[in-house]
Protein backbone atom coordinates (compact mmCIF):
# COMPACT_ATOMS: atom_id res chain seq x y z
CA MET A 1 0.00 0.00 0.00
CA ILE A 2 2.84 2.42 0.83
CA ASP A 3 4.52 1.61 -2.49
CA LYS A 4 1.24 2.30 -4.37
CA ASN A 5 0.86 5.67 -2.63
CA LYS A 6 4.50 6.54 -3.34
CA ASP A 7 4.09 5.66 -7.04
CA ALA A 8 0.96 7.87 -7.26
CA GLN A 9 2.82 10.78 -5.66
CA THR A 10 5.80 10.30 -7.98
CA GLN A 11 3.48 10.28 -11.00
CA SER A 12 1.63 13.41 -9.79
CA LEU A 13 4.94 15.16 -9.17
CA GLY A 14 6.14 14.28 -12.68
CA GLU A 15 2.90 15.65 -14.21
CA LEU A 16 3.21 18.83 -12.19
CA GLN A 17 6.82 19.33 -13.33
CA GLN A 18 5.77 18.78 -16.95
CA ASP A 19 2.94 21.32 -16.59
CA LEU A 20 5.37 23.86 -15.12
CA LYS A 21 7.78 23.35 -18.01
CA SER A 22 4.96 23.83 -20.52
CA LEU A 23 3.77 26.98 -18.78
CA LYS A 24 7.30 28.39 -18.68
CA THR A 25 7.72 27.72 -22.40
CA LEU A 26 4.41 29.42 -23.20
CA LEU A 27 5.33 32.49 -21.16
CA LEU A 28 8.77 32.81 -22.73
CA ASN A 29 7.48 32.40 -26.28
CA ARG A 30 4.49 34.73 -26.15
CA ALA A 31 4.35 37.65 -28.56
CA PRO A 32 6.23 40.76 -27.38
CA SER A 33 3.36 43.05 -28.40
CA THR A 34 1.13 41.57 -25.68
CA SER A 35 3.64 42.44 -22.98
CA MET A 36 3.51 46.17 -23.77
CA PRO A 37 0.62 48.18 -22.32
CA PRO A 38 -1.52 50.18 -24.75
CA PRO A 39 -0.32 53.77 -25.28
CA LEU A 40 -1.88 56.50 -23.18
CA PRO A 41 -4.31 58.83 -24.96
CA THR A 42 -2.99 62.25 -25.87
CA PHE A 43 -4.93 65.28 -24.75
CA PRO A 44 -4.88 68.74 -26.32
CA PRO A 45 -2.76 71.33 -24.52
CA ARG A 46 -4.34 73.15 -21.63
CA PRO A 47 -6.00 76.40 -22.73
CA SER A 48 -4.34 79.61 -21.65
CA ILE A 49 -5.05 83.32 -21.80
CA PRO A 50 -3.76 84.83 -25.05
CA ALA A 51 -0.90 87.30 -24.72
CA TRP A 52 -2.95 90.22 -26.03
CA GLN A 53 -5.53 89.69 -23.28
CA LEU A 54 -2.84 89.42 -20.63
CA SER A 55 -1.33 92.73 -21.68
CA LEU A 56 -4.75 94.46 -21.42
CA SER A 57 -5.55 93.11 -17.99
CA GLU A 58 -2.17 94.11 -16.60
CA SER A 59 -2.24 97.69 -17.91
CA PRO A 60 -3.23 100.33 -15.33
CA ALA A 61 -5.29 102.35 -17.82
CA ASN A 62 -8.12 99.94 -18.52
CA PRO A 63 -10.95 102.00 -20.09
CA ALA A 64 -13.61 99.45 -19.17
CA ALA A 65 -12.89 99.69 -15.46
CA PRO A 66 -14.22 102.64 -13.45
CA ILE A 67 -11.56 104.85 -11.94
CA LEU A 68 -12.01 105.28 -8.21
CA ASP A 69 -9.66 107.10 -5.91
CA ALA A 70 -9.82 108.47 -2.37
CA SER A 71 -11.92 111.48 -3.43
CA THR A 72 -14.62 109.34 -5.07
CA ARG A 73 -17.44 108.21 -2.79
CA LEU A 74 -20.36 106.00 -3.60
CA ASP A 75 -23.57 106.87 -1.79
CA LEU A 76 -25.74 103.76 -1.74
CA SER A 77 -28.18 104.99 0.92
CA SER A 78 -30.51 106.99 -1.34
CA PRO A 79 -31.55 106.19 -4.90
CA THR A 80 -30.91 108.91 -7.47
């Protein structure tokens, strides 16, 4: 009985070793294109403020903005 069990284990071990060899061969011979991940998508560049708009917003004499100084007061208490 012990010899029968030992023979079964030896046979199972041999099958396992053969399966491992087959798996190793499959992994080593697979196509190289499957090992590379797909390329990342490319996105358009991030939008930015055009230079001509930057120069207008940085200039002190912006005609669209009201000019207020220390002598100018806004009276919001009574409608005019």
